């Protein structure tokens, strides 16, 4: 993974971490949390049918999630430069063949 694939600890301020009850007290395990302080935004054109993705600034990265899943959606992370390149391609019609 690239260094910017990880969110900074400030993105998790106030987070409540959870791990499986079966985890041993001092064992290495995976913990999960929701990012509650993110300000998610979606396009106004998606309002009638709720078929959209949402974007949020998450520290130095931009998160992307499926609005239908809401807070339970997995979050993809991209740098601002990656999002800018995607938006530039979309404005130029480079992805029109996909819809």
C-alpha atoms as a PDB file:
ATOM      1  CA  UNK A   1       0.000   0.000   0.000  1.00  0.00           C
ATOM      2  CA  UNK A   2       1.011   3.575  -0.561  1.00  0.00           C
ATOM      3  CA  UNK A   3       1.601   5.830   2.424  1.00  0.00           C
ATOM      4  CA  UNK A   4      -1.441   7.974   1.568  1.00  0.00           C
ATOM      5  CA  UNK A   5      -3.704   4.892   1.605  1.00  0.00           C
ATOM      6  CA  UNK A   6      -3.856   5.255   5.373  1.00  0.00           C
ATOM      7  CA  UNK A   7      -5.951   7.830   7.175  1.00  0.00           C
ATOM      8  CA  UNK A   8      -4.199   9.963   9.792  1.00  0.00           C
ATOM      9  CA  UNK A   9      -5.138   9.393  13.408  1.00  0.00           C
ATOM     10  CA  UNK A  10      -6.940  12.779  13.417  1.00  0.00           C
ATOM     11  CA  UNK A  11      -9.554  11.278  11.073  1.00  0.00           C
ATOM     12  CA  UNK A  12     -10.585   9.013  13.950  1.00  0.00           C
ATOM     13  CA  UNK A  13     -10.955  11.610  16.705  1.00  0.00           C
ATOM     14  CA  UNK A  14     -13.703  10.410  19.027  1.00  0.00           C
ATOM     15  CA  UNK A  15     -13.935   7.016  17.300  1.00  0.00           C
ATOM     16  CA  UNK A  16     -15.177   3.994  19.218  1.00  0.00           C
ATOM     17  CA  UNK A  17     -13.121   0.951  18.217  1.00  0.00           C
ATOM     18  CA  UNK A  18     -14.590  -2.551  18.282  1.00  0.00           C
ATOM     19  CA  UNK A  19     -13.069  -6.007  18.053  1.00  0.00           C
ATOM     20  CA  UNK A  20     -14.529  -9.491  18.177  1.00  0.00           C
ATOM     21  CA  UNK A  21     -15.461 -10.749  21.629  1.00  0.00           C
ATOM     22  CA  UNK A  22     -13.496 -13.927  20.855  1.00  0.00           C
ATOM     23  CA  UNK A  23     -10.233 -11.977  20.624  1.00  0.00           C
ATOM     24  CA  UNK A  24      -7.806 -12.760  23.422  1.00  0.00           C
ATOM     25  CA  UNK A  25      -7.102  -9.772  25.728  1.00  0.00           C
ATOM     26  CA  UNK A  26      -3.499  -9.242  24.596  1.00  0.00           C
ATOM     27  CA  UNK A  27      -3.663 -10.664  21.082  1.00  0.00           C
ATOM     28  CA  UNK A  28      -3.157  -8.975  17.765  1.00  0.00           C
ATOM     29  CA  UNK A  29      -6.529  -8.487  16.157  1.00  0.00           C
ATOM     30  CA  UNK A  30      -8.314  -6.241  13.721  1.00  0.00           C
ATOM     31  CA  UNK A  31     -10.449  -3.468  15.148  1.00  0.00           C
ATOM     32  CA  UNK A  32     -13.159  -1.518  13.340  1.00  0.00           C
ATOM     33  CA  UNK A  33     -14.706   1.908  13.726  1.00  0.00           C
ATOM     34  CA  UNK A  34     -17.033   4.223  11.860  1.00  0.00           C
ATOM     35  CA  UNK A  35     -15.933   7.677  10.807  1.00  0.00           C
ATOM     36  CA  UNK A  36     -18.653   9.807  12.371  1.00  0.00           C
ATOM     37  CA  UNK A  37     -17.206  13.279  11.847  1.00  0.00           C
ATOM     38  CA  UNK A  38     -17.025  13.154   8.031  1.00  0.00           C
ATOM     39  CA  UNK A  39     -19.158  15.598   6.036  1.00  0.00           C
ATOM     40  CA  UNK A  40     -20.403  13.404   3.143  1.00  0.00           C
ATOM     41  CA  UNK A  41     -21.593  15.136  -0.041  1.00  0.00           C
ATOM     42  CA  UNK A  42     -23.382  13.804  -3.114  1.00  0.00           C
ATOM     43  CA  UNK A  43     -24.500  15.317  -6.404  1.00  0.00           C
ATOM     44  CA  UNK A  44     -27.907  17.022  -6.355  1.00  0.00           C
ATOM     45  CA  UNK A  45     -28.877  15.138  -9.546  1.00  0.00           C
ATOM     46  CA  UNK A  46     -28.874  11.877  -7.584  1.00  0.00           C
ATOM     47  CA  UNK A  47     -31.638  12.909  -5.156  1.00  0.00           C
ATOM     48  CA  UNK A  48     -34.689  11.358  -6.900  1.00  0.00           C
ATOM     49  CA  UNK A  49     -33.454   7.755  -6.966  1.00  0.00           C
ATOM     50  CA  UNK A  50     -30.581   7.779  -4.452  1.00  0.00           C
ATOM     51  CA  UNK A  51     -28.261   6.069  -6.957  1.00  0.00           C
ATOM     52  CA  UNK A  52     -25.096   7.913  -6.178  1.00  0.00           C
ATOM     53  CA  UNK A  53     -21.746   7.977  -4.523  1.00  0.00           C
ATOM     54  CA  UNK A  54     -20.718  10.352  -1.785  1.00  0.00           C
ATOM     55  CA  UNK A  55     -17.413  12.144  -1.240  1.00  0.00           C
ATOM     56  CA  UNK A  56     -15.870  13.418   2.000  1.00  0.00           C
ATOM     57  CA  UNK A  57     -12.569  14.989   3.000  1.00  0.00           C
ATOM     58  CA  UNK A  58     -10.875  12.557   5.391  1.00  0.00           C
ATOM     59  CA  UNK A  59      -7.671  14.181   6.503  1.00  0.00           C
ATOM     60  CA  UNK A  60      -5.275  14.248   3.537  1.00  0.00           C
ATOM     61  CA  UNK A  61      -7.396  11.899   1.422  1.00  0.00           C
ATOM     62  CA  UNK A  62     -10.873  12.005  -0.119  1.00  0.00           C
ATOM     63  CA  UNK A  63     -13.237   9.201   0.779  1.00  0.00           C
ATOM     64  CA  UNK A  64     -15.751   7.730  -1.667  1.00  0.00           C
ATOM     65  CA  UNK A  65     -18.690   5.536  -0.618  1.00  0.00           C
ATOM     66  CA  UNK A  66     -22.023   4.185  -1.898  1.00  0.00           C
ATOM     67  CA  UNK A  67     -24.857   6.365  -0.597  1.00  0.00           C
ATOM     68  CA  UNK A  68     -27.334   3.470  -0.513  1.00  0.00           C
ATOM     69  CA  UNK A  69     -25.262   1.777   2.182  1.00  0.00           C
ATOM     70  CA  UNK A  70     -24.806   4.973   4.182  1.00  0.00           C
ATOM     71  CA  UNK A  71     -22.508   4.688   7.198  1.00  0.00           C
ATOM     72  CA  UNK A  72     -22.090   0.940   6.627  1.00  0.00           C
ATOM     73  CA  UNK A  73     -20.534   1.474   3.192  1.00  0.00           C
ATOM     74  CA  UNK A  74     -16.879   0.594   2.691  1.00  0.00           C
ATOM     75  CA  UNK A  75     -14.828   3.724   2.057  1.00  0.00           C
ATOM     76  CA  UNK A  76     -12.412   3.962  -0.848  1.00  0.00           C
ATOM     77  CA  UNK A  77      -9.618   6.504  -0.375  1.00  0.00           C
ATOM     78  CA  UNK A  78      -8.015   8.702  -3.026  1.00  0.00           C
ATOM     79  CA  UNK A  79      -5.614  11.616  -3.021  1.00  0.00           C
ATOM     80  CA  UNK A  80      -6.918  14.997  -4.199  1.00  0.00           C
ATOM     81  CA  UNK A  81      -4.746  14.590  -7.334  1.00  0.00           C
ATOM     82  CA  UNK A  82      -6.387  11.239  -8.117  1.00  0.00           C
ATOM     83  CA  UNK A  83      -9.886  12.718  -7.725  1.00  0.00           C
ATOM     84  CA  UNK A  84      -8.906  15.735  -9.853  1.00  0.00           C
ATOM     85  CA  UNK A  85      -7.678  13.429 -12.632  1.00  0.00           C
ATOM     86  CA  UNK A  86     -10.912  11.417 -12.520  1.00  0.00           C
ATOM     87  CA  UNK A  87     -13.084  14.552 -12.597  1.00  0.00           C
ATOM     88  CA  UNK A  88     -11.044  15.985 -15.469  1.00  0.00           C
ATOM     89  CA  UNK A  89     -11.570  12.771 -17.446  1.00  0.00           C
ATOM     90  CA  UNK A  90     -15.297  12.823 -16.662  1.00  0.00           C
ATOM     91  CA  UNK A  91     -15.615  16.439 -17.825  1.00  0.00           C
ATOM     92  CA  UNK A  92     -13.887  15.509 -21.082  1.00  0.00           C
ATOM     93  CA  UNK A  93     -16.306  12.601 -21.645  1.00  0.00           C
ATOM     94  CA  UNK A  94     -13.659   9.903 -21.248  1.00  0.00           C
ATOM     95  CA  UNK A  95     -16.058   7.694 -19.262  1.00  0.00           C
ATOM     96  CA  UNK A  96     -19.247   8.356 -21.237  1.00  0.00           C
ATOM     97  CA  UNK A  97     -19.106   4.861 -22.756  1.00  0.00           C
ATOM     98  CA  UNK A  98     -19.704   3.406 -19.264  1.00  0.00           C
ATOM     99  CA  UNK A  99     -23.214   4.864 -18.874  1.00  0.00           C
END
